[in-house]
Every structure is written in structure tokens, then in C-alpha cells.
PDB file of N, CA and C in Angstrom:
ATOM      1  N   MET A   1      85.362 130.483  54.170  1.00  0.00           N
ATOM      2  CA  MET A   1      85.687 129.376  55.034  1.00  0.00           C
ATOM      3  C   MET A   1      86.649 128.438  54.315  1.00  0.00           C
ATOM      4  N   ASP A   2      87.575 127.834  55.047  1.00  0.00           N
ATOM      5  CA  ASP A   2      88.553 126.940  54.444  1.00  0.00           C
ATOM      6  C   ASP A   2      87.899 125.675  53.927  1.00  0.00           C
ATOM      7  N   LYS A   3      88.439 125.189  52.834  1.00  0.00           N
ATOM      8  CA  LYS A   3      87.969 123.931  52.270  1.00  0.00           C
ATOM      9  C   LYS A   3      88.389 122.799  53.196  1.00  0.00           C
ATOM     10  N   GLN A   4      87.482 121.905  53.493  1.00  0.00           N
ATOM     11  CA  GLN A   4      87.792 120.765  54.357  1.00  0.00           C
ATOM     12  C   GLN A   4      88.635 119.762  53.579  1.00  0.00           C
ATOM     13  N   LEU A   5      89.741 119.373  54.164  1.00  0.00           N
ATOM     14  CA  LEU A   5      90.624 118.395  53.544  1.00  0.00           C
ATOM     15  C   LEU A   5      90.197 117.001  53.942  1.00  0.00           C
ATOM     16  N   ASP A   6      90.420 116.060  53.048  1.00  0.00           N
ATOM     17  CA  ASP A   6      90.147 114.673  53.386  1.00  0.00           C
ATOM     18  C   ASP A   6      91.117 114.233  54.461  1.00  0.00           C
ATOM     19  N   GLY A   7      90.758 113.202  55.232  1.00  0.00           N
ATOM     20  CA  GLY A   7      91.539 112.747  56.386  1.00  0.00           C
ATOM     21  C   GLY A   7      92.973 112.374  56.053  1.00  0.00           C
ATOM     22  N   GLY A   8      93.640 111.870  57.047  1.00  0.00           N
ATOM     23  CA  GLY A   8      95.015 111.388  56.882  1.00  0.00           C
ATOM     24  C   GLY A   8      96.040 112.488  56.906  1.00  0.00           C
ATOM     25  N   ILE A   9      97.022 112.379  56.022  1.00  0.00           N
ATOM     26  CA  ILE A   9      98.164 113.280  55.983  1.00  0.00           C
ATOM     27  C   ILE A   9      97.736 114.713  55.649  1.00  0.00           C
ATOM     28  N   GLY A  10      96.719 114.872  54.816  1.00  0.00           N
ATOM     29  CA  GLY A  10      96.265 116.216  54.451  1.00  0.00           C
ATOM     30  C   GLY A  10      95.870 117.032  55.661  1.00  0.00           C
ATOM     31  N   ASN A  11      95.081 116.465  56.567  1.00  0.00           N
ATOM     32  CA  ASN A  11      94.680 117.180  57.782  1.00  0.00           C
ATOM     33  C   ASN A  11      95.877 117.442  58.672  1.00  0.00           C
ATOM     34  N   PHE A  12      96.757 116.472  58.763  1.00  0.00           N
ATOM     35  CA  PHE A  12      97.952 116.610  59.591  1.00  0.00           C
ATOM     36  C   PHE A  12      98.778 117.809  59.139  1.00  0.00           C
ATOM     37  N   VAL A  13      99.042 117.878  57.848  1.00  0.00           N
ATOM     38  CA  VAL A  13      99.865 118.964  57.305  1.00  0.00           C
ATOM     39  C   VAL A  13      99.128 120.288  57.438  1.00  0.00           C
ATOM     40  N   HIS A  14      97.852 120.295  57.135  1.00  0.00           N
ATOM     41  CA  HIS A  14      97.061 121.517  57.201  1.00  0.00           C
ATOM     42  C   HIS A  14      97.093 122.121  58.605  1.00  0.00           C
ATOM     43  N   ARG A  15      96.986 121.286  59.628  1.00  0.00           N
ATOM     44  CA  ARG A  15      96.983 121.778  61.008  1.00  0.00           C
ATOM     45  C   ARG A  15      98.334 122.327  61.424  1.00  0.00           C
ATOM     46  N   ARG A  16      99.407 121.861  60.831  1.00  0.00           N
ATOM     47  CA  ARG A  16     100.743 122.279  61.248  1.00  0.00           C
ATOM     48  C   ARG A  16     101.380 123.340  60.355  1.00  0.00           C
ATOM     49  N   LEU A  17     100.690 123.748  59.326  1.00  0.00           N
ATOM     50  CA  LEU A  17     101.243 124.759  58.431  1.00  0.00           C
ATOM     51  C   LEU A  17     101.399 126.115  59.105  1.00  0.00           C
ATOM     52  N   SER A  18     100.672 126.364  60.176  1.00  0.00           N
ATOM     53  CA  SER A  18     100.784 127.656  60.853  1.00  0.00           C
ATOM     54  C   SER A  18     102.211 127.903  61.337  1.00  0.00           C
ATOM     55  N   GLN A  19     102.900 126.844  61.771  1.00  0.00           N
ATOM     56  CA  GLN A  19     104.288 126.990  62.202  1.00  0.00           C
ATOM     57  C   GLN A  19     105.157 127.506  61.060  1.00  0.00           C
ATOM     58  N   LEU A  20     104.963 126.931  59.882  1.00  0.00           N
ATOM     59  CA  LEU A  20     105.765 127.347  58.732  1.00  0.00           C
ATOM     60  C   LEU A  20     105.358 128.720  58.229  1.00  0.00           C
ATOM     61  N   LYS A  21     104.080 129.084  58.378  1.00  0.00           N
ATOM     62  CA  LYS A  21     103.625 130.412  57.979  1.00  0.00           C
ATOM     63  C   LYS A  21     104.280 131.477  58.856  1.00  0.00           C
ATOM     64  N   VAL A  22     104.367 131.232  60.150  1.00  0.00           N
ATOM     65  CA  VAL A  22     105.027 132.170  61.060  1.00  0.00           C
ATOM     66  C   VAL A  22     106.494 132.301  60.679  1.00  0.00           C
ATOM     67  N   LEU A  23     107.130 131.196  60.389  1.00  0.00           N
ATOM     68  CA  LEU A  23     108.537 131.200  59.994  1.00  0.00           C
ATOM     69  C   LEU A  23     108.728 132.013  58.714  1.00  0.00           C
ATOM     70  N   ALA A  24     107.852 131.829  57.734  1.00  0.00           N
ATOM     71  CA  ALA A  24     107.950 132.562  56.472  1.00  0.00           C
ATOM     72  C   ALA A  24     107.756 134.063  56.694  1.00  0.00           C
ATOM     73  N   ARG A  25     106.816 134.445  57.566  1.00  0.00           N
ATOM     74  CA  ARG A  25     106.592 135.861  57.854  1.00  0.00           C
ATOM     75  C   ARG A  25     107.806 136.480  58.554  1.00  0.00           C
ATOM     76  N   LEU A  26     108.455 135.728  59.421  1.00  0.00           N
ATOM     77  CA  LEU A  26     109.648 136.217  60.107  1.00  0.00           C
ATOM     78  C   LEU A  26     110.776 136.471  59.107  1.00  0.00           C
ATOM     79  N   VAL A  27     110.990 135.538  58.209  1.00  0.00           N
ATOM     80  CA  VAL A  27     112.040 135.708  57.195  1.00  0.00           C
ATOM     81  C   VAL A  27     111.691 136.888  56.292  1.00  0.00           C
ATOM     82  N   GLU A  28     110.410 137.015  55.927  1.00  0.00           N
ATOM     83  CA  GLU A  28     109.969 138.145  55.102  1.00  0.00           C
ATOM     84  C   GLU A  28     110.235 139.472  55.824  1.00  0.00           C
ATOM     85  N   HIS A  29     109.963 139.498  57.120  1.00  0.00           N
ATOM     86  CA  HIS A  29     110.214 140.710  57.910  1.00  0.00           C
ATOM     87  C   HIS A  29     111.704 141.053  57.926  1.00  0.00           C
ATOM     88  N   GLU A  30     112.549 140.051  58.118  1.00  0.00           N
ATOM     89  CA  GLU A  30     113.990 140.291  58.146  1.00  0.00           C
ATOM     90  C   GLU A  30     114.488 140.803  56.798  1.00  0.00           C
ATOM     91  N   LEU A  31     113.924 140.278  55.713  1.00  0.00           N
ATOM     92  CA  LEU A  31     114.311 140.750  54.387  1.00  0.00           C
ATOM     93  C   LEU A  31     113.894 142.196  54.171  1.00  0.00           C
ATOM     94  N   SER A  32     112.690 142.546  54.587  1.00  0.00           N
ATOM     95  CA  SER A  32     112.239 143.925  54.402  1.00  0.00           C
ATOM     96  C   SER A  32     112.996 144.879  55.319  1.00  0.00           C
ATOM     97  N   ALA A  33     113.424 144.403  56.473  1.00  0.00           N
ATOM     98  CA  ALA A  33     114.190 145.243  57.395  1.00  0.00           C
ATOM     99  C   ALA A  33     115.572 145.569  56.832  1.00  0.00           C
ATOM    100  N   ALA A  34     116.087 144.706  55.954  1.00  0.00           N
ATOM    101  CA  ALA A  34     117.400 144.948  55.358  1.00  0.00           C
ATOM    102  C   ALA A  34     117.357 146.069  54.319  1.00  0.00           C
ATOM    103  N   LYS A  35     116.177 146.422  53.842  1.00  0.00           N
ATOM    104  CA  LYS A  35     115.954 147.538  52.915  1.00  0.00           C
ATOM    105  C   LYS A  35     116.865 147.509  51.698  1.00  0.00           C
ATOM    106  N   GLY A  36     116.843 146.406  50.982  1.00  0.00           N
ATOM    107  CA  GLY A  36     117.571 146.326  49.728  1.00  0.00           C
ATOM    108  C   GLY A  36     119.036 145.962  49.841  1.00  0.00           C
ATOM    109  N   SER A  37     119.536 145.813  51.024  1.00  0.00           N
ATOM    110  CA  SER A  37     120.932 145.433  51.192  1.00  0.00           C
ATOM    111  C   SER A  37     121.122 143.975  50.782  1.00  0.00           C
ATOM    112  N   LYS A  38     122.296 143.650  50.291  1.00  0.00           N
ATOM    113  CA  LYS A  38     122.583 142.266  49.932  1.00  0.00           C
ATOM    114  C   LYS A  38     122.886 141.414  51.151  1.00  0.00           C
ATOM    115  N   ASP A  39     123.223 142.043  52.257  1.00  0.00           N
ATOM    116  CA  ASP A  39     123.557 141.328  53.486  1.00  0.00           C
ATOM    117  C   ASP A  39     122.406 141.413  54.476  1.00  0.00           C
ATOM    118  N   ILE A  40     122.154 140.285  55.137  1.00  0.00           N
ATOM    119  CA  ILE A  40     121.138 140.215  56.183  1.00  0.00           C
ATOM    120  C   ILE A  40     121.815 139.665  57.427  1.00  0.00           C
ATOM    121  N   ASN A  41     121.623 140.344  58.536  1.00  0.00           N
ATOM    122  CA  ASN A  41     122.210 139.900  59.793  1.00  0.00           C
ATOM    123  C   ASN A  41     121.143 139.235  60.649  1.00  0.00           C
ATOM    124  N   LEU A  42     121.373 137.976  60.961  1.00  0.00           N
ATOM    125  CA  LEU A  42     120.485 137.228  61.841  1.00  0.00           C
ATOM    126  C   LEU A  42     121.297 136.702  63.010  1.00  0.00           C
ATOM    127  N   GLU A  43     120.731 136.780  64.190  1.00  0.00           N
ATOM    128  CA  GLU A  43     121.413 136.229  65.342  1.00  0.00           C
ATOM    129  C   GLU A  43     121.404 134.713  65.271  1.00  0.00           C
ATOM    130  N   ARG A  44     122.438 134.118  65.809  1.00  0.00           N
ATOM    131  CA  ARG A  44     122.577 132.666  65.779  1.00  0.00           C
ATOM    132  C   ARG A  44     121.384 131.975  66.432  1.00  0.00           C
ATOM    133  N   ASP A  45     120.906 132.516  67.553  1.00  0.00           N
ATOM    134  CA  ASP A  45     119.757 131.925  68.236  1.00  0.00           C
ATOM    135  C   ASP A  45     118.519 131.907  67.348  1.00  0.00           C
ATOM    136  N   LEU A  46     118.317 132.975  66.591  1.00  0.00           N
ATOM    137  CA  LEU A  46     117.169 133.044  65.700  1.00  0.00           C
ATOM    138  C   LEU A  46     117.258 131.985  64.608  1.00  0.00           C
ATOM    139  N   VAL A  47     118.434 131.835  64.022  1.00  0.00           N
ATOM    140  CA  VAL A  47     118.620 130.829  62.967  1.00  0.00           C
ATOM    141  C   VAL A  47     118.435 129.420  63.532  1.00  0.00           C
ATOM    142  N   GLU A  48     118.939 129.180  64.747  1.00  0.00           N
ATOM    143  CA  GLU A  48     118.741 127.864  65.372  1.00  0.00           C
ATOM    144  C   GLU A  48     117.257 127.592  65.604  1.00  0.00           C
ATOM    145  N   ASN A  49     116.506 128.615  66.018  1.00  0.00           N
ATOM    146  CA  ASN A  49     115.073 128.443  66.221  1.00  0.00           C
ATOM    147  C   ASN A  49     114.334 128.212  64.914  1.00  0.00           C
ATOM    148  N   LEU A  50     114.756 128.894  63.848  1.00  0.00           N
ATOM    149  CA  LEU A  50     114.165 128.654  62.534  1.00  0.00           C
ATOM    150  C   LEU A  50     114.397 127.212  62.103  1.00  0.00           C
ATOM    151  N   LEU A  51     115.614 126.747  62.277  1.00  0.00           N
ATOM    152  CA  LEU A  51     115.959 125.379  61.916  1.00  0.00           C
ATOM    153  C   LEU A  51     115.178 124.376  62.765  1.00  0.00           C
ATOM    154  N   ASP A  52     115.052 124.651  64.056  1.00  0.00           N
ATOM    155  CA  ASP A  52     114.280 123.765  64.937  1.00  0.00           C
ATOM    156  C   ASP A  52     112.829 123.656  64.487  1.00  0.00           C
ATOM    157  N   THR A  53     112.234 124.775  64.082  1.00  0.00           N
ATOM    158  CA  THR A  53     110.849 124.759  63.631  1.00  0.00           C
ATOM    159  C   THR A  53     110.675 123.879  62.402  1.00  0.00           C
ATOM    160  N   VAL A  54     111.581 124.016  61.448  1.00  0.00           N
ATOM    161  CA  VAL A  54     111.513 123.196  60.239  1.00  0.00           C
ATOM    162  C   VAL A  54     111.739 121.718  60.582  1.00  0.00           C
ATOM    163  N   GLU A  55     112.715 121.432  61.444  1.00  0.00           N
ATOM    164  CA  GLU A  55     112.999 120.045  61.816  1.00  0.00           C
ATOM    165  C   GLU A  55     111.822 119.405  62.558  1.00  0.00           C
ATOM    166  N   ILE A  56     111.168 120.153  63.435  1.00  0.00           N
ATOM    167  CA  ILE A  56     110.000 119.623  64.150  1.00  0.00           C
ATOM    168  C   ILE A  56     108.896 119.277  63.156  1.00  0.00           C
ATOM    169  N   PHE A  57     108.667 120.152  62.183  1.00  0.00           N
ATOM    170  CA  PHE A  57     107.647 119.883  61.167  1.00  0.00           C
ATOM    171  C   PHE A  57     107.995 118.626  60.384  1.00  0.00           C
ATOM    172  N   ILE A  58     109.252 118.508  59.968  1.00  0.00           N
ATOM    173  CA  ILE A  58     109.685 117.337  59.195  1.00  0.00           C
ATOM    174  C   ILE A  58     109.550 116.070  60.023  1.00  0.00           C
ATOM    175  N   GLU A  59     109.996 116.100  61.279  1.00  0.00           N
ATOM    176  CA  GLU A  59     109.906 114.917  62.135  1.00  0.00           C
ATOM    177  C   GLU A  59     108.457 114.510  62.360  1.00  0.00           C
ATOM    178  N   ASP A  60     107.589 115.486  62.639  1.00  0.00           N
ATOM    179  CA  ASP A  60     106.173 115.176  62.838  1.00  0.00           C
ATOM    180  C   ASP A  60     105.567 114.565  61.585  1.00  0.00           C
ATOM    181  N   PHE A  61     105.907 115.121  60.428  1.00  0.00           N
ATOM    182  CA  PHE A  61     105.379 114.610  59.174  1.00  0.00           C
ATOM    183  C   PHE A  61     105.868 113.192  58.906  1.00  0.00           C
ATOM    184  N   GLU A  62     107.170 112.946  59.139  1.00  0.00           N
ATOM    185  CA  GLU A  62     107.714 111.607  58.906  1.00  0.00           C
ATOM    186  C   GLU A  62     107.074 110.579  59.825  1.00  0.00           C
ATOM    187  N   VAL A  63     106.862 110.937  61.090  1.00  0.00           N
ATOM    188  CA  VAL A  63     106.230 110.011  62.030  1.00  0.00           C
ATOM    189  C   VAL A  63     104.801 109.718  61.584  1.00  0.00           C
ATOM    190  N   ALA A  64     104.079 110.743  61.157  1.00  0.00           N
ATOM    191  CA  ALA A  64     102.696 110.551  60.729  1.00  0.00           C
ATOM    192  C   ALA A  64     102.620 109.733  59.442  1.00  0.00           C
ATOM    193  N   HIS A  65     103.574 109.938  58.560  1.00  0.00           N
ATOM    194  CA  HIS A  65     103.531 109.261  57.260  1.00  0.00           C
ATOM    195  C   HIS A  65     104.074 107.831  57.336  1.00  0.00           C
ATOM    196  N   THR A  66     105.212 107.656  58.004  1.00  0.00           N
ATOM    197  CA  THR A  66     105.861 106.349  58.009  1.00  0.00           C
ATOM    198  C   THR A  66     105.758 105.637  59.348  1.00  0.00           C
ATOM    199  N   GLY A  67     105.508 106.392  60.412  1.00  0.00           N
ATOM    200  CA  GLY A  67     105.474 105.803  61.743  1.00  0.00           C
ATOM    201  C   GLY A  67     106.853 105.696  62.370  1.00  0.00           C
ATOM    202  N   VAL A  68     107.890 106.170  61.664  1.00  0.00           N
ATOM    203  CA  VAL A  68     109.263 106.078  62.164  1.00  0.00           C
ATOM    204  C   VAL A  68     109.905 107.456  62.080  1.00  0.00           C
ATOM    205  N   ALA A  69     110.526 107.893  63.167  1.00  0.00           N
ATOM    206  CA  ALA A  69     111.226 109.173  63.164  1.00  0.00           C
ATOM    207  C   ALA A  69     112.662 108.966  62.696  1.00  0.00           C
ATOM    208  N   ARG A  70     113.178 109.924  61.947  1.00  0.00           N
ATOM    209  CA  ARG A  70     114.577 109.837  61.514  1.00  0.00           C
ATOM    210  C   ARG A  70     115.468 110.282  62.664  1.00  0.00           C
ATOM    211  N   GLU A  71     116.697 109.826  62.631  1.00  0.00           N
ATOM    212  CA  GLU A  71     117.633 110.216  63.677  1.00  0.00           C
ATOM    213  C   GLU A  71     118.279 111.535  63.301  1.00  0.00           C
ATOM    214  N   ARG A  72     118.532 112.356  64.308  1.00  0.00           N
ATOM    215  CA  ARG A  72     119.191 113.632  64.077  1.00  0.00           C
ATOM    216  C   ARG A  72     120.671 113.415  63.846  1.00  0.00           C
ATOM    217  N   THR A  73     121.264 114.338  63.115  1.00  0.00           N
ATOM    218  CA  THR A  73     122.707 114.254  62.883  1.00  0.00           C
ATOM    219  C   THR A  73     123.443 114.529  64.183  1.00  0.00           C
ATOM    220  N   ALA A  74     124.674 114.095  64.257  1.00  0.00           N
ATOM    221  CA  ALA A  74     125.479 114.280  65.467  1.00  0.00           C
ATOM    222  C   ALA A  74     125.679 115.764  65.770  1.00  0.00           C
ATOM    223  N   ALA A  75     125.838 116.584  64.731  1.00  0.00           N
ATOM    224  CA  ALA A  75     126.042 118.015  64.938  1.00  0.00           C
ATOM    225  C   ALA A  75     124.816 118.657  65.576  1.00  0.00           C
ATOM    226  N   ARG A  76     123.633 118.325  65.089  1.00  0.00           N
ATOM    227  CA  ARG A  76     122.409 118.899  65.656  1.00  0.00           C
ATOM    228  C   ARG A  76     122.170 118.349  67.055  1.00  0.00           C
ATOM    229  N   ALA A  77     122.505 117.095  67.280  1.00  0.00           N
ATOM    230  CA  ALA A  77     122.308 116.505  68.604  1.00  0.00           C
ATOM    231  C   ALA A  77     123.181 117.209  69.640  1.00  0.00           C
ATOM    232  N   SER A  78     124.408 117.578  69.266  1.00  0.00           N
ATOM    233  CA  SER A  78     125.284 118.263  70.221  1.00  0.00           C
ATOM    234  C   SER A  78     124.787 119.674  70.506  1.00  0.00           C
ATOM    235  N   VAL A  79     124.250 120.353  69.508  1.00  0.00           N
ATOM    236  CA  VAL A  79     123.675 121.682  69.720  1.00  0.00           C
ATOM    237  C   VAL A  79     122.464 121.562  70.629  1.00  0.00           C
ATOM    238  N   ASP A  80     121.619 120.565  70.377  1.00  0.00           N
ATOM    239  CA  ASP A  80     120.421 120.366  71.183  1.00  0.00           C
ATOM    240  C   ASP A  80     120.750 120.013  72.628  1.00  0.00           C
ATOM    241  N   ALA A  81     121.847 119.329  72.846  1.00  0.00           N
ATOM    242  CA  ALA A  81     122.223 118.936  74.202  1.00  0.00           C
ATOM    243  C   ALA A  81     122.575 120.158  75.050  1.00  0.00           C
ATOM    244  N   ASN A  82     123.060 121.217  74.402  1.00  0.00           N
ATOM    245  CA  ASN A  82     123.454 122.426  75.123  1.00  0.00           C
ATOM    246  C   ASN A  82     122.309 123.403  75.323  1.00  0.00           C
ATOM    247  N   LYS A  83     121.169 123.173  74.687  1.00  0.00           N
ATOM    248  CA  LYS A  83     120.054 124.076  74.800  1.00  0.00           C
ATOM    249  C   LYS A  83     119.146 123.660  75.956  1.00  0.00           C
ATOM    250  N   PRO A  84     118.504 124.622  76.607  1.00  0.00           N
ATOM    251  CA  PRO A  84     117.551 124.273  77.651  1.00  0.00           C
ATOM    252  C   PRO A  84     116.324 123.597  77.069  1.00  0.00           C
ATOM    253  N   ALA A  85     115.695 122.742  77.844  1.00  0.00           N
ATOM    254  CA  ALA A  85     114.514 122.034  77.374  1.00  0.00           C
ATOM    255  C   ALA A  85     113.361 123.011  77.204  1.00  0.00           C
ATOM    256  N   VAL A  86     112.590 122.816  76.126  1.00  0.00           N
ATOM    257  CA  VAL A  86     111.428 123.642  75.834  1.00  0.00           C
ATOM    258  C   VAL A  86     110.217 122.741  75.726  1.00  0.00           C
ATOM    259  N   THR A  87     109.137 123.155  76.337  1.00  0.00           N
ATOM    260  CA  THR A  87     107.909 122.374  76.270  1.00  0.00           C
ATOM    261  C   THR A  87     107.165 122.746  75.002  1.00  0.00           C
ATOM    262  N   ARG A  88     106.817 121.757  74.197  1.00  0.00           N
ATOM    263  CA  ARG A  88     106.044 121.980  72.978  1.00  0.00           C
ATOM    264  C   ARG A  88     104.576 121.823  73.269  1.00  0.00           C
ATOM    265  N   LEU A  89     103.794 122.745  72.764  1.00  0.00           N
ATOM    266  CA  LEU A  89     102.341 122.643  72.863  1.00  0.00           C
ATOM    267  C   LEU A  89     101.822 122.024  71.592  1.00  0.00           C
ATOM    268  N   SER A  90     100.983 121.034  71.701  1.00  0.00           N
ATOM    269  CA  SER A  90     100.436 120.390  70.504  1.00  0.00           C
ATOM    270  C   SER A  90      99.027 120.816  70.265  1.00  0.00           C
TER     271      SER A  90
END
């Protein structure tokens, strides 16, 4: 059984690590699929989704820790404006 973490940020991070674990397994799968090649081909959509997952984790952590969300860069905001809206499950 998992060790119970003390309240606050520890529980917050612990509950959201599953997102990063899935991301790590996906990258591991892509590396093994390359079978020793120095080049790895990833579709742009996949890389954008990987980046979105990391950014969501960072934003959630910053809000929980400081109470203030950081602003996205103009480049990411323009990419996000062109993407369809996705509903996040919490």
C-alpha cells in the first residue's frame, strides 16, 4: 500500500503524478519503437499534447503553491487559439 503523504502540496503532487507517468511511458514506448536509431519521429500533434500535459501540471502546481497562475507565452497562446476546446476531467 502507498505511504500516506502529509497534507498540502505533497498530496496535490501525488494525485497528479499519474499524468506525468503516462507521459513518461509514452516517451519510453517511442524510444523503444525506434530500435536503437538516433532519430525519433513524432507527429506534431503528439508533441503538442505532451507539452500541454506538462504545462497543465505546472500551472496546477503553481496555482496550488502560490495561488497565482503564470501567463502563457504568446507563441503557446496562438497555438492554443487554433486548437479545439478539450474538457479536462479533474
